N, C-alpha and C. Protein backbone atom coordinates (compact mmCIF):
# COMPACT_ATOMS: atom_id res chain seq x y z
N MET A 1 64.91 -57.23 -7.90
CA MET A 1 65.17 -57.92 -9.03
C MET A 1 64.30 -59.38 -9.10
N GLN A 2 63.75 -59.76 -10.06
CA GLN A 2 62.67 -60.66 -10.12
C GLN A 2 64.10 -61.85 -10.60
N ASN A 3 63.76 -63.40 -10.31
CA ASN A 3 64.55 -64.08 -10.41
C ASN A 3 64.25 -64.88 -11.88
N GLN A 4 65.05 -64.51 -12.75
CA GLN A 4 64.81 -65.20 -14.33
C GLN A 4 65.33 -66.44 -14.51
N SER A 5 64.50 -67.07 -14.97
CA SER A 5 64.92 -68.61 -15.44
C SER A 5 65.10 -68.76 -16.79
N SER A 6 66.11 -69.41 -17.52
CA SER A 6 65.79 -69.74 -18.97
C SER A 6 64.63 -70.69 -19.51
N VAL A 7 64.15 -70.25 -20.29
CA VAL A 7 63.32 -71.37 -20.97
C VAL A 7 63.63 -71.27 -22.45
N VAL A 8 63.38 -72.39 -22.78
CA VAL A 8 63.73 -72.94 -24.33
C VAL A 8 62.26 -73.73 -24.58
N VAL A 9 62.34 -72.67 -25.81
CA VAL A 9 60.95 -73.21 -26.48
C VAL A 9 61.46 -73.84 -27.70
N MET A 10 61.05 -75.34 -27.75
CA MET A 10 61.49 -76.39 -28.71
C MET A 10 60.54 -76.28 -29.60
N THR A 11 58.89 -75.86 -29.46
CA THR A 11 58.09 -75.90 -30.64
C THR A 11 57.11 -74.81 -30.56
N GLN A 12 56.92 -74.31 -31.64
CA GLN A 12 55.88 -72.87 -31.49
C GLN A 12 54.35 -73.75 -30.85
N PRO A 13 53.97 -72.92 -30.07
CA PRO A 13 52.49 -73.10 -29.42
C PRO A 13 51.41 -73.20 -30.68
N GLY A 14 50.73 -74.23 -30.68
CA GLY A 14 49.53 -74.45 -31.36
C GLY A 14 49.83 -74.60 -32.82
N PHE A 15 51.20 -75.14 -32.88
CA PHE A 15 51.78 -75.93 -34.57
C PHE A 15 52.17 -77.15 -33.93
N VAL A 16 51.34 -78.13 -35.01
CA VAL A 16 51.35 -79.52 -34.77
C VAL A 16 52.28 -80.03 -36.02
N ARG A 17 53.47 -80.58 -36.07
CA ARG A 17 53.83 -80.97 -36.95
C ARG A 17 53.48 -82.13 -37.80
N ALA A 18 53.24 -82.33 -39.12
CA ALA A 18 52.24 -83.21 -39.77
C ALA A 18 53.48 -84.39 -40.28
N PRO A 19 53.20 -85.61 -40.50
CA PRO A 19 54.00 -86.61 -40.64
C PRO A 19 54.59 -86.10 -42.16
N GLN A 20 55.75 -86.77 -42.52
CA GLN A 20 56.81 -86.12 -42.89
C GLN A 20 56.35 -86.86 -44.53
N ASN A 21 55.51 -87.98 -44.56
CA ASN A 21 55.42 -88.86 -45.72
C ASN A 21 54.01 -88.23 -46.29
N SER A 22 53.37 -87.02 -46.29
CA SER A 22 52.48 -86.45 -46.89
C SER A 22 52.81 -85.87 -48.04
N ASN A 23 51.92 -85.91 -48.94
CA ASN A 23 52.06 -85.41 -50.50
C ASN A 23 51.04 -84.22 -50.84
N TRP A 24 51.20 -83.69 -51.79
CA TRP A 24 50.02 -82.88 -52.58
C TRP A 24 48.91 -84.01 -52.89
N GLU A 25 47.64 -83.38 -52.72
CA GLU A 25 46.46 -84.00 -53.04
C GLU A 25 46.17 -84.22 -54.73
N THR A 26 46.99 -83.36 -55.13
CA THR A 26 46.85 -83.02 -56.72
C THR A 26 47.95 -82.36 -57.06
N GLY A 27 48.11 -82.81 -58.40
CA GLY A 27 49.63 -81.97 -58.98
C GLY A 27 49.18 -80.86 -59.60
N ILE A 28 50.54 -80.17 -59.57
CA ILE A 28 50.04 -78.53 -60.21
C ILE A 28 49.38 -78.18 -61.12
N CYS A 29 49.36 -79.15 -62.07
CA CYS A 29 48.57 -78.99 -63.37
C CYS A 29 47.09 -79.74 -63.47
N ASP A 30 46.62 -80.29 -62.30
CA ASP A 30 45.35 -80.86 -62.16
C ASP A 30 44.38 -80.08 -62.36
N CYS A 31 44.00 -79.19 -63.32
CA CYS A 31 42.66 -78.37 -63.02
C CYS A 31 41.83 -78.81 -63.16
N PHE A 32 41.55 -80.09 -63.78
CA PHE A 32 40.30 -80.73 -64.33
C PHE A 32 39.89 -81.24 -63.37
N SER A 33 40.42 -81.71 -62.35
CA SER A 33 40.27 -82.41 -60.72
C SER A 33 38.91 -81.50 -60.15
N ASP A 34 39.22 -80.48 -60.43
CA ASP A 34 38.25 -79.17 -59.69
C ASP A 34 38.32 -77.94 -60.54
N CYS A 35 37.24 -78.01 -61.56
CA CYS A 35 37.02 -77.02 -62.48
C CYS A 35 36.75 -75.69 -61.91
N GLY A 36 35.82 -75.65 -60.86
CA GLY A 36 35.29 -74.37 -60.32
C GLY A 36 36.56 -73.56 -59.67
N VAL A 37 37.73 -74.07 -58.82
CA VAL A 37 38.98 -73.64 -58.27
C VAL A 37 39.42 -73.07 -59.73
N CYS A 38 39.56 -73.96 -60.57
CA CYS A 38 40.71 -73.71 -61.85
C CYS A 38 39.93 -72.34 -62.21
N LEU A 39 38.55 -72.38 -62.63
CA LEU A 39 37.99 -70.95 -63.31
C LEU A 39 38.24 -69.99 -62.16
N CYS A 40 38.15 -70.19 -60.99
CA CYS A 40 38.14 -68.77 -60.23
C CYS A 40 39.72 -68.23 -60.09
N GLY A 41 40.57 -69.43 -60.23
CA GLY A 41 41.92 -68.66 -60.42
C GLY A 41 42.12 -68.38 -61.48
N THR A 42 41.45 -68.64 -62.57
CA THR A 42 41.98 -68.36 -63.82
C THR A 42 41.23 -66.61 -64.04
N PHE A 43 40.16 -66.19 -63.56
CA PHE A 43 39.20 -65.18 -63.66
C PHE A 43 39.41 -64.61 -62.34
N CYS A 44 39.83 -64.68 -61.33
CA CYS A 44 39.54 -63.97 -60.00
C CYS A 44 40.50 -64.51 -59.26
N PHE A 45 42.02 -64.39 -59.70
CA PHE A 45 43.46 -64.73 -58.85
C PHE A 45 43.44 -64.16 -57.58
N ILE A 46 43.13 -63.11 -57.54
CA ILE A 46 43.30 -62.26 -56.13
C ILE A 46 42.34 -62.94 -55.19
N CYS A 47 40.98 -63.26 -55.66
CA CYS A 47 39.95 -63.88 -54.95
C CYS A 47 40.22 -65.45 -54.21
N LEU A 48 40.87 -66.05 -54.93
CA LEU A 48 41.30 -67.40 -54.62
C LEU A 48 42.35 -67.28 -53.62
N GLY A 49 43.24 -66.23 -54.00
CA GLY A 49 44.51 -66.15 -53.20
C GLY A 49 43.92 -65.49 -51.47
N CYS A 50 42.63 -64.59 -51.61
CA CYS A 50 42.31 -64.18 -50.40
C CYS A 50 41.66 -65.52 -49.50
N GLN A 51 41.11 -66.66 -50.30
CA GLN A 51 40.22 -67.64 -49.55
C GLN A 51 41.45 -68.25 -49.32
N VAL A 52 42.70 -68.81 -49.81
CA VAL A 52 43.72 -69.77 -49.13
C VAL A 52 43.99 -68.95 -47.97
N ALA A 53 44.30 -67.70 -48.15
CA ALA A 53 45.06 -67.29 -46.83
C ALA A 53 43.89 -67.07 -45.85
N ALA A 54 42.74 -66.84 -45.78
CA ALA A 54 41.73 -66.84 -44.76
C ALA A 54 41.73 -68.35 -44.44
N ALA A 55 41.70 -68.94 -44.96
CA ALA A 55 41.69 -70.88 -44.55
C ALA A 55 42.75 -70.90 -43.50
N MET A 56 43.95 -70.31 -44.04
CA MET A 56 45.02 -70.81 -42.92
C MET A 56 45.24 -69.25 -42.00
N ASP A 57 44.00 -68.53 -41.89
CA ASP A 57 44.42 -67.41 -40.87
C ASP A 57 45.56 -66.76 -41.01
N GLU A 58 45.72 -66.57 -42.36
CA GLU A 58 46.81 -65.18 -42.46
C GLU A 58 46.22 -64.07 -43.41
N CYS A 59 47.15 -63.15 -43.36
CA CYS A 59 46.59 -62.06 -44.17
C CYS A 59 46.41 -62.51 -45.57
N CYS A 60 45.31 -61.49 -45.95
CA CYS A 60 44.73 -61.69 -47.39
C CYS A 60 45.61 -61.40 -48.75
N LEU A 61 46.50 -60.74 -48.02
CA LEU A 61 47.52 -60.28 -49.32
C LEU A 61 48.63 -61.18 -49.34
N CYS A 62 48.86 -62.33 -48.61
CA CYS A 62 49.84 -63.19 -48.63
C CYS A 62 49.46 -64.47 -49.64
N GLY A 63 48.08 -64.18 -49.76
CA GLY A 63 47.76 -65.85 -50.19
C GLY A 63 48.15 -66.33 -51.53
N THR A 64 48.69 -65.74 -52.11
CA THR A 64 49.67 -66.05 -53.78
C THR A 64 50.87 -65.86 -53.62
N SER A 65 51.47 -65.79 -52.29
CA SER A 65 53.01 -65.66 -52.10
C SER A 65 53.65 -67.00 -52.17
N VAL A 66 54.94 -66.66 -52.45
CA VAL A 66 55.77 -68.21 -51.99
C VAL A 66 55.66 -68.18 -50.76
N ALA A 67 55.85 -67.38 -49.70
CA ALA A 67 56.04 -67.78 -48.17
C ALA A 67 54.47 -68.42 -47.86
N MET A 68 53.21 -68.10 -48.38
CA MET A 68 52.07 -69.14 -48.03
C MET A 68 52.29 -70.61 -48.75
N ARG A 69 52.90 -70.56 -49.74
CA ARG A 69 52.89 -71.96 -50.68
C ARG A 69 53.93 -72.56 -49.39
N THR A 70 55.03 -71.95 -49.15
CA THR A 70 55.84 -72.86 -48.09
C THR A 70 55.57 -72.98 -46.93
N LEU A 71 54.73 -71.90 -46.21
CA LEU A 71 54.15 -72.44 -45.01
C LEU A 71 53.29 -73.40 -45.17
N TYR A 72 52.23 -73.48 -46.26
CA TYR A 72 51.48 -74.91 -46.27
C TYR A 72 52.15 -75.95 -46.42
N ARG A 73 52.94 -75.82 -47.26
CA ARG A 73 53.55 -77.34 -47.76
C ARG A 73 54.39 -77.85 -46.21
N THR A 74 55.01 -76.86 -45.62
CA THR A 74 55.87 -77.61 -44.17
C THR A 74 54.60 -77.51 -43.32
N ARG A 75 53.42 -77.16 -43.36
CA ARG A 75 52.65 -77.43 -42.00
C ARG A 75 52.12 -78.90 -42.58
N TYR A 76 51.83 -79.07 -43.57
CA TYR A 76 51.13 -80.66 -44.21
C TYR A 76 52.51 -81.46 -44.32
N GLY A 77 53.71 -81.21 -44.05
CA GLY A 77 54.90 -82.61 -44.31
C GLY A 77 55.11 -82.34 -45.86
N ILE A 78 54.40 -81.32 -46.90
CA ILE A 78 54.82 -81.99 -48.11
C ILE A 78 56.34 -81.82 -48.35
N PRO A 79 56.54 -82.48 -49.07
CA PRO A 79 58.30 -82.72 -49.42
C PRO A 79 58.52 -81.46 -50.63
N GLY A 80 59.49 -80.87 -50.47
CA GLY A 80 59.93 -79.63 -51.28
C GLY A 80 60.82 -78.83 -50.79
N SER A 81 60.99 -77.74 -51.38
CA SER A 81 62.06 -76.66 -50.88
C SER A 81 61.52 -75.27 -51.39
N ILE A 82 61.74 -74.14 -50.73
CA ILE A 82 61.63 -72.70 -51.06
C ILE A 82 62.06 -72.40 -52.49
N CYS A 83 62.93 -73.11 -53.05
CA CYS A 83 63.35 -73.12 -54.46
C CYS A 83 62.22 -73.45 -54.99
N ASP A 84 61.88 -74.77 -55.38
CA ASP A 84 60.76 -75.28 -55.64
C ASP A 84 59.57 -74.44 -55.39
N ASP A 85 59.27 -73.95 -54.39
CA ASP A 85 58.01 -72.97 -54.31
C ASP A 85 58.12 -71.52 -54.89
N PHE A 86 59.31 -71.14 -55.10
CA PHE A 86 59.48 -69.85 -55.83
C PHE A 86 59.15 -70.13 -56.95
N MET A 87 59.61 -71.19 -57.79
CA MET A 87 59.80 -71.84 -59.17
C MET A 87 58.27 -72.00 -59.43
N ALA A 88 57.47 -72.48 -58.96
CA ALA A 88 56.04 -72.44 -59.11
C ALA A 88 55.24 -71.40 -58.94
N THR A 89 55.60 -70.72 -58.01
CA THR A 89 54.57 -69.40 -57.86
C THR A 89 54.98 -68.17 -58.97
N LEU A 90 56.50 -68.39 -59.47
CA LEU A 90 57.16 -67.69 -60.68
C LEU A 90 56.49 -68.35 -61.93
N CYS A 91 56.56 -69.22 -62.20
CA CYS A 91 56.28 -69.83 -63.45
C CYS A 91 54.61 -69.70 -63.49
N CYS A 92 54.13 -70.08 -62.88
CA CYS A 92 52.67 -70.62 -63.12
C CYS A 92 52.04 -70.03 -61.68
N PRO A 93 51.82 -68.67 -61.09
CA PRO A 93 51.27 -68.34 -59.91
C PRO A 93 49.75 -68.72 -60.03
N VAL A 94 49.04 -69.00 -60.85
CA VAL A 94 47.62 -69.16 -60.83
C VAL A 94 47.55 -70.69 -60.56
N CYS A 95 48.34 -71.61 -61.33
CA CYS A 95 48.31 -73.27 -61.12
C CYS A 95 48.70 -73.68 -59.50
N SER A 96 49.69 -72.56 -59.04
CA SER A 96 50.14 -72.79 -57.65
C SER A 96 49.32 -72.38 -56.97
N VAL A 97 48.28 -71.25 -56.82
CA VAL A 97 47.19 -70.97 -55.79
C VAL A 97 46.17 -72.12 -56.11
N CYS A 98 45.80 -72.60 -57.27
CA CYS A 98 44.86 -73.40 -57.69
C CYS A 98 45.40 -74.72 -56.65
N GLN A 99 46.29 -75.04 -56.73
CA GLN A 99 47.08 -76.51 -56.15
C GLN A 99 46.68 -76.47 -54.66
N ILE A 100 47.29 -75.20 -53.99
CA ILE A 100 46.70 -75.05 -52.99
C ILE A 100 45.45 -75.20 -52.37
N LYS A 101 44.73 -74.44 -52.99
CA LYS A 101 43.27 -74.42 -52.96
C LYS A 101 42.28 -75.53 -52.77
N ARG A 102 42.82 -76.49 -53.92
CA ARG A 102 42.30 -77.88 -54.04
C ARG A 102 42.60 -78.93 -52.90
N ASP A 103 44.20 -78.62 -52.61
CA ASP A 103 44.53 -79.25 -51.33
C ASP A 103 44.02 -78.89 -50.21
N ILE A 104 43.67 -77.97 -50.12
CA ILE A 104 42.86 -77.48 -48.78
C ILE A 104 41.57 -77.98 -48.81
N ASN A 105 40.76 -78.17 -49.95
CA ASN A 105 39.35 -78.76 -50.09
C ASN A 105 39.38 -80.12 -49.61
N ARG A 106 40.76 -80.75 -50.28
CA ARG A 106 40.55 -82.19 -50.04
C ARG A 106 40.83 -82.35 -48.81
N ARG A 107 41.69 -81.76 -48.02
CA ARG A 107 42.06 -82.36 -46.59
C ARG A 107 40.93 -81.90 -45.82
N ARG A 108 40.08 -80.96 -45.98
CA ARG A 108 38.90 -80.63 -45.22
C ARG A 108 37.80 -81.57 -45.42
N ALA A 109 37.61 -82.53 -46.74
CA ALA A 109 37.04 -83.44 -46.91
C ALA A 109 37.15 -84.61 -46.38
N MET A 110 38.63 -84.62 -45.76
CA MET A 110 39.44 -85.81 -45.13
C MET A 110 39.29 -85.26 -43.55
N ASN A 111 38.70 -84.44 -43.36
CA ASN A 111 38.94 -83.75 -41.67
C ASN A 111 40.53 -83.85 -41.28
N MET A 112 41.26 -83.58 -42.32
CA MET A 112 42.92 -83.38 -42.17
C MET A 112 43.30 -81.83 -42.29
N PHE A 113 42.33 -80.85 -42.44
CA PHE A 113 42.74 -79.57 -42.66
C PHE A 113 42.26 -79.16 -41.34
């Protein structure tokens, strides 16, 4: 029988916690800050969700979900709660996904994504 030692994992491999003072780069209703994203979300909501999921290396079916918004928010240290994420995706799913996509685009431009 092999000798088993206890290994305690304190952080997930490959996950870097962002500073807690981060915030959304745009507001949830800032559609005019990137009209292309807004138009894509309005007329091809599923496509935009797939773009968000692909950018985060997740399953395409998850791009518009509460879980994706929560994952993104916690990854970048954006304050909020699962309840906030649920309400945003329930009340205005298009605005929610557009906000995430705009945030991804801006963080990429600043080499922070």
